[in-house]
Amino acid sequence: MITHEQLIFTIRAIYPQITESDHGRKYWVGMPVAGDQQTGDAFIAEDRDPIIDDEGEISGWGSNKLWMFEDIEQPTPEQMTAKWAEPGVQEGYAESIKPLPKTQFSVREFRERFTKDEQIAIRAASMTDMEVGIVYDDFQTAQFIDITDPAVAAGIDLYITKGLLEPHRKAELLTPQPIE
């Protein structure tokens, strides 16, 4: 059974020019559900309008496609199923939903990346060296530490220059944490 998200991924694999933000604006994907469980394959949604007869009664249902691309033909269910079954497509989907590694840390989490000896050396130096003190204060008062921020790397470089950290520690301290 192909899910809502898998079908969106498959449509984008068929038509790479379709963007993530097109879903919900230029096309809609739906899926049959019972309660909170999906019961069948996801599909490109259609708007079902009632057909009203001369007496004002519903005599049937019409269909308005919700595929709003004028220059891109709507893929058929067979095309989408075949694309999903192609080698690499399901693996690509699995890769696309992997959580990104953690790059933002609370002050405490960031501090815990340092050894106790490093913490003591930096804390002691922050009381006598104003440059170290400013970086230390910035780290301690931040709402969070983003290790991709160039200012964080510059602060670690200062600690290395002042002899408070070994040079190899920079890469370790700036390595994102895998999320499992």
C-alpha atoms as a PDB file:
ATOM      1  CA  MET A   1       0.000   0.000   0.000  1.00  0.00           C
ATOM      2  CA  ILE A   2       1.391   3.393  -0.977  1.00  0.00           C
ATOM      3  CA  THR A   3       0.963   6.132   1.624  1.00  0.00           C
ATOM      4  CA  HIS A   4       0.114   9.789   1.173  1.00  0.00           C
ATOM      5  CA  GLU A   5       3.755  10.891   1.601  1.00  0.00           C
ATOM      6  CA  GLN A   6       5.077   8.085  -0.612  1.00  0.00           C
ATOM      7  CA  LEU A   7       2.742   9.092  -3.440  1.00  0.00           C
ATOM      8  CA  ILE A   8       3.812  12.744  -3.173  1.00  0.00           C
ATOM      9  CA  PHE A   9       7.443  11.577  -3.386  1.00  0.00           C
ATOM     10  CA  THR A  10       6.603   9.353  -6.378  1.00  0.00           C
ATOM     11  CA  ILE A  11       4.865  12.182  -8.241  1.00  0.00           C
ATOM     12  CA  ARG A  12       7.929  14.361  -7.700  1.00  0.00           C
ATOM     13  CA  ALA A  13      10.139  11.490  -8.937  1.00  0.00           C
ATOM     14  CA  ILE A  14       8.069  11.353 -12.151  1.00  0.00           C
ATOM     15  CA  TYR A  15       8.037  15.143 -12.542  1.00  0.00           C
ATOM     16  CA  PRO A  16      11.118  16.698 -10.877  1.00  0.00           C
ATOM     17  CA  GLN A  17       9.894  20.194 -11.775  1.00  0.00           C
ATOM     18  CA  ILE A  18       7.041  19.783  -9.285  1.00  0.00           C
ATOM     19  CA  THR A  19       8.080  21.262  -5.957  1.00  0.00           C
ATOM     20  CA  GLU A  20       7.250  20.231  -2.431  1.00  0.00           C
ATOM     21  CA  SER A  21       5.078  23.311  -2.009  1.00  0.00           C
ATOM     22  CA  ASP A  22       2.947  22.436  -5.069  1.00  0.00           C
ATOM     23  CA  HIS A  23       1.101  19.776  -3.067  1.00  0.00           C
ATOM     24  CA  GLY A  24      -2.001  21.390  -1.624  1.00  0.00           C
ATOM     25  CA  ARG A  25      -1.850  24.210  -4.169  1.00  0.00           C
ATOM     26  CA  LYS A  26      -1.612  22.637  -7.620  1.00  0.00           C
ATOM     27  CA  TYR A  27      -2.554  19.063  -6.777  1.00  0.00           C
ATOM     28  CA  TRP A  28      -3.944  17.145  -3.835  1.00  0.00           C
ATOM     29  CA  VAL A  29      -3.226  13.630  -2.663  1.00  0.00           C
ATOM     30  CA  GLY A  30      -5.837  11.746  -0.678  1.00  0.00           C
ATOM     31  CA  MET A  31      -6.141   8.266   0.754  1.00  0.00           C
ATOM     32  CA  PRO A  32      -8.961   6.008   1.919  1.00  0.00           C
ATOM     33  CA  VAL A  33      -9.193   5.731   5.687  1.00  0.00           C
ATOM     34  CA  ALA A  34     -11.289   3.985   8.306  1.00  0.00           C
ATOM     35  CA  GLY A  35     -10.938   5.655  11.667  1.00  0.00           C
ATOM     36  CA  ASP A  36      -7.304   6.656  11.794  1.00  0.00           C
ATOM     37  CA  GLN A  37      -5.999   3.824   9.583  1.00  0.00           C
ATOM     38  CA  GLN A  38      -5.217   4.030   5.889  1.00  0.00           C
ATOM     39  CA  THR A  39      -7.137   1.286   4.081  1.00  0.00           C
ATOM     40  CA  GLY A  40      -5.872   1.534   0.498  1.00  0.00           C
ATOM     41  CA  ASP A  41      -3.424   3.218  -1.831  1.00  0.00           C
ATOM     42  CA  ALA A  42      -3.141   6.982  -1.831  1.00  0.00           C
ATOM     43  CA  PHE A  43      -4.441   8.710  -4.968  1.00  0.00           C
ATOM     44  CA  ILE A  44      -4.567  12.091  -6.689  1.00  0.00           C
ATOM     45  CA  ALA A  45      -7.744  13.622  -5.317  1.00  0.00           C
ATOM     46  CA  GLU A  46     -10.730  14.723  -7.358  1.00  0.00           C
ATOM     47  CA  ASP A  47     -13.494  17.115  -6.394  1.00  0.00           C
ATOM     48  CA  ARG A  48     -16.840  15.342  -6.621  1.00  0.00           C
ATOM     49  CA  ASP A  49     -19.684  17.684  -7.532  1.00  0.00           C
ATOM     50  CA  PRO A  50     -23.303  16.553  -7.394  1.00  0.00           C
ATOM     51  CA  ILE A  51     -25.198  16.472 -10.669  1.00  0.00           C
ATOM     52  CA  ILE A  52     -28.609  18.025 -10.036  1.00  0.00           C
ATOM     53  CA  ASP A  53     -31.540  16.984 -12.231  1.00  0.00           C
ATOM     54  CA  ASP A  54     -34.466  19.164 -13.334  1.00  0.00           C
ATOM     55  CA  GLU A  55     -36.358  18.413 -10.113  1.00  0.00           C
ATOM     56  CA  GLY A  56     -33.437  19.595  -7.959  1.00  0.00           C
ATOM     57  CA  GLU A  57     -32.473  16.066  -6.923  1.00  0.00           C
ATOM     58  CA  ILE A  58     -28.966  14.588  -7.035  1.00  0.00           C
ATOM     59  CA  SER A  59     -28.856  12.273 -10.038  1.00  0.00           C
ATOM     60  CA  GLY A  60     -25.169  11.440  -9.935  1.00  0.00           C
ATOM     61  CA  TRP A  61     -21.727  12.743  -9.278  1.00  0.00           C
ATOM     62  CA  GLY A  62     -19.426  14.647 -11.588  1.00  0.00           C
ATOM     63  CA  SER A  63     -15.689  14.849 -11.295  1.00  0.00           C
ATOM     64  CA  ASN A  64     -13.427  17.878 -11.377  1.00  0.00           C
ATOM     65  CA  LYS A  65      -9.755  17.041 -11.489  1.00  0.00           C
ATOM     66  CA  LEU A  66      -7.683  18.731  -8.810  1.00  0.00           C
ATOM     67  CA  TRP A  67      -4.547  18.466 -10.941  1.00  0.00           C
ATOM     68  CA  MET A  68      -3.923  22.139 -11.711  1.00  0.00           C
ATOM     69  CA  PHE A  69      -0.824  21.927 -13.922  1.00  0.00           C
ATOM     70  CA  GLU A  70      -1.611  23.094 -17.435  1.00  0.00           C
ATOM     71  CA  ASP A  71       1.729  21.963 -18.878  1.00  0.00           C
ATOM     72  CA  ILE A  72       2.153  18.673 -16.977  1.00  0.00           C
ATOM     73  CA  GLU A  73      -0.069  15.703 -17.667  1.00  0.00           C
ATOM     74  CA  GLN A  74      -1.523  14.012 -14.591  1.00  0.00           C
ATOM     75  CA  PRO A  75       0.175  10.642 -14.075  1.00  0.00           C
ATOM     76  CA  THR A  76      -2.037   7.589 -14.187  1.00  0.00           C
ATOM     77  CA  PRO A  77      -2.272   5.206 -11.231  1.00  0.00           C
ATOM     78  CA  GLU A  78      -0.320   2.684 -13.337  1.00  0.00           C
ATOM     79  CA  GLN A  79       2.488   5.188 -13.966  1.00  0.00           C
ATOM     80  CA  MET A  80       2.706   6.037 -10.284  1.00  0.00           C
ATOM     81  CA  THR A  81       2.700   2.374  -9.231  1.00  0.00           C
ATOM     82  CA  ALA A  82       5.392   1.554 -11.808  1.00  0.00           C
ATOM     83  CA  LYS A  83       7.546   4.505 -10.698  1.00  0.00           C
ATOM     84  CA  TRP A  84       7.253   3.497  -7.023  1.00  0.00           C
ATOM     85  CA  ALA A  85       8.388  -0.020  -7.979  1.00  0.00           C
ATOM     86  CA  GLU A  86      11.474   1.205  -9.901  1.00  0.00           C
ATOM     87  CA  PRO A  87      14.844   0.401  -8.324  1.00  0.00           C
ATOM     88  CA  GLY A  88      16.042   3.196  -6.076  1.00  0.00           C
ATOM     89  CA  VAL A  89      12.749   5.078  -5.689  1.00  0.00           C
ATOM     90  CA  GLN A  90      11.758   3.502  -2.376  1.00  0.00           C
ATOM     91  CA  GLU A  91      15.323   3.834  -1.120  1.00  0.00           C
ATOM     92  CA  GLY A  92      15.268   7.510  -2.147  1.00  0.00           C
ATOM     93  CA  TYR A  93      12.056   7.976  -0.207  1.00  0.00           C
ATOM     94  CA  ALA A  94      13.540   6.280   2.874  1.00  0.00           C
ATOM     95  CA  GLU A  95      16.593   8.556   2.639  1.00  0.00           C
ATOM     96  CA  SER A  96      14.379  11.643   2.272  1.00  0.00           C
ATOM     97  CA  ILE A  97      12.535  10.994   5.538  1.00  0.00           C
ATOM     98  CA  LYS A  98      15.609  10.304   7.667  1.00  0.00           C
ATOM     99  CA  PRO A  99      15.850  12.824  10.462  1.00  0.00           C
ATOM    100  CA  LEU A 100      18.559  15.410  10.016  1.00  0.00           C
ATOM    101  CA  PRO A 101      21.399  15.236  12.507  1.00  0.00           C
ATOM    102  CA  LYS A 102      21.120  17.492  15.529  1.00  0.00           C
ATOM    103  CA  THR A 103      23.070  20.750  15.201  1.00  0.00           C
ATOM    104  CA  GLN A 104      21.354  22.821  17.888  1.00  0.00           C
ATOM    105  CA  PHE A 105      22.055  22.134  21.532  1.00  0.00           C
ATOM    106  CA  SER A 106      20.966  23.603  24.833  1.00  0.00           C
ATOM    107  CA  VAL A 107      23.729  25.372  26.723  1.00  0.00           C
ATOM    108  CA  ARG A 108      24.030  22.376  29.043  1.00  0.00           C
ATOM    109  CA  GLU A 109      24.165  19.867  26.151  1.00  0.00           C
ATOM    110  CA  PHE A 110      26.877  21.903  24.449  1.00  0.00           C
ATOM    111  CA  ARG A 111      28.883  22.222  27.667  1.00  0.00           C
ATOM    112  CA  GLU A 112      28.688  18.431  28.127  1.00  0.00           C
ATOM    113  CA  ARG A 113      30.476  17.993  24.788  1.00  0.00           C
ATOM    114  CA  PHE A 114      33.597  19.314  26.545  1.00  0.00           C
ATOM    115  CA  THR A 115      35.616  17.167  28.946  1.00  0.00           C
ATOM    116  CA  LYS A 116      35.665  18.160  32.627  1.00  0.00           C
ATOM    117  CA  ASP A 117      39.317  19.246  32.304  1.00  0.00           C
ATOM    118  CA  GLU A 118      38.423  21.422  29.293  1.00  0.00           C
ATOM    119  CA  GLN A 119      35.491  22.948  31.161  1.00  0.00           C
ATOM    120  CA  ILE A 120      37.675  23.775  34.166  1.00  0.00           C
ATOM    121  CA  ALA A 121      40.411  25.306  32.007  1.00  0.00           C
ATOM    122  CA  ILE A 122      37.951  27.435  30.031  1.00  0.00           C
ATOM    123  CA  ARG A 123      36.081  28.558  33.163  1.00  0.00           C
ATOM    124  CA  ALA A 124      39.321  29.530  34.908  1.00  0.00           C
ATOM    125  CA  ALA A 125      40.603  31.385  31.831  1.00  0.00           C
ATOM    126  CA  SER A 126      37.281  33.231  31.481  1.00  0.00           C
ATOM    127  CA  MET A 127      37.993  35.011  34.775  1.00  0.00           C
ATOM    128  CA  THR A 128      41.376  36.388  33.737  1.00  0.00           C
ATOM    129  CA  ASP A 129      41.253  36.673  29.925  1.00  0.00           C
ATOM    130  CA  MET A 130      38.558  39.034  28.646  1.00  0.00           C
ATOM    131  CA  GLU A 131      38.422  37.458  25.150  1.00  0.00           C
ATOM    132  CA  VAL A 132      37.849  34.020  26.632  1.00  0.00           C
ATOM    133  CA  GLY A 133      35.363  35.543  29.091  1.00  0.00           C
ATOM    134  CA  ILE A 134      33.305  37.114  26.327  1.00  0.00           C
ATOM    135  CA  VAL A 135      33.090  33.848  24.358  1.00  0.00           C
ATOM    136  CA  TYR A 136      32.347  31.887  27.542  1.00  0.00           C
ATOM    137  CA  ASP A 137      29.580  34.351  28.487  1.00  0.00           C
ATOM    138  CA  ASP A 138      28.119  34.218  24.977  1.00  0.00           C
ATOM    139  CA  PHE A 139      27.979  30.432  25.123  1.00  0.00           C
ATOM    140  CA  GLN A 140      26.496  30.393  28.634  1.00  0.00           C
ATOM    141  CA  THR A 141      23.781  32.964  27.951  1.00  0.00           C
ATOM    142  CA  ALA A 142      22.654  31.777  24.519  1.00  0.00           C
ATOM    143  CA  GLN A 143      19.146  30.379  24.124  1.00  0.00           C
ATOM    144  CA  PHE A 144      20.800  27.508  22.252  1.00  0.00           C
ATOM    145  CA  ILE A 145      24.116  26.747  20.558  1.00  0.00           C
ATOM    146  CA  ASP A 146      23.976  26.026  16.818  1.00  0.00           C
ATOM    147  CA  ILE A 147      27.216  24.316  15.869  1.00  0.00           C
ATOM    148  CA  THR A 148      26.754  25.414  12.238  1.00  0.00           C
ATOM    149  CA  ASP A 149      26.977  29.065  13.327  1.00  0.00           C
ATOM    150  CA  PRO A 150      30.375  30.528  12.313  1.00  0.00           C
ATOM    151  CA  ALA A 151      30.505  32.389  15.647  1.00  0.00           C
ATOM    152  CA  VAL A 152      30.583  29.048  17.484  1.00  0.00           C
ATOM    153  CA  ALA A 153      33.506  27.858  15.353  1.00  0.00           C
ATOM    154  CA  ALA A 154      35.263  31.189  15.978  1.00  0.00           C
ATOM    155  CA  GLY A 155      34.792  30.768  19.733  1.00  0.00           C
ATOM    156  CA  ILE A 156      36.284  27.289  19.621  1.00  0.00           C
ATOM    157  CA  ASP A 157      39.162  28.631  17.506  1.00  0.00           C
ATOM    158  CA  LEU A 158      39.824  31.201  20.230  1.00  0.00           C
ATOM    159  CA  TYR A 159      39.888  28.462  22.878  1.00  0.00           C
ATOM    160  CA  ILE A 160      42.404  26.554  20.726  1.00  0.00           C
ATOM    161  CA  THR A 161      44.547  29.674  20.175  1.00  0.00           C
ATOM    162  CA  LYS A 162      44.599  30.289  23.941  1.00  0.00           C
ATOM    163  CA  GLY A 163      45.721  26.688  24.552  1.00  0.00           C
ATOM    164  CA  LEU A 164      42.481  25.656  26.248  1.00  0.00           C
ATOM    165  CA  LEU A 165      41.568  23.004  23.664  1.00  0.00           C
ATOM    166  CA  GLU A 166      43.593  20.681  21.465  1.00  0.00           C
ATOM    167  CA  PRO A 167      43.145  21.496  17.733  1.00  0.00           C
ATOM    168  CA  HIS A 168      41.557  18.106  16.943  1.00  0.00           C
ATOM    169  CA  ARG A 169      38.708  18.880  19.359  1.00  0.00           C
ATOM    170  CA  LYS A 170      37.226  21.491  17.021  1.00  0.00           C
ATOM    171  CA  ALA A 171      36.014  18.847  14.565  1.00  0.00           C
ATOM    172  CA  GLU A 172      34.636  16.730  17.405  1.00  0.00           C
ATOM    173  CA  LEU A 173      32.783  19.640  18.994  1.00  0.00           C
ATOM    174  CA  LEU A 174      31.310  20.784  15.669  1.00  0.00           C
ATOM    175  CA  THR A 175      30.181  17.340  14.510  1.00  0.00           C
ATOM    176  CA  PRO A 176      26.382  17.037  14.365  1.00  0.00           C
ATOM    177  CA  GLN A 177      24.825  14.433  16.627  1.00  0.00           C
ATOM    178  CA  PRO A 178      23.001  11.640  14.789  1.00  0.00           C
ATOM    179  CA  ILE A 179      19.304  11.336  15.629  1.00  0.00           C
ATOM    180  CA  GLU A 180      18.052   7.813  15.950  1.00  0.00           C
END
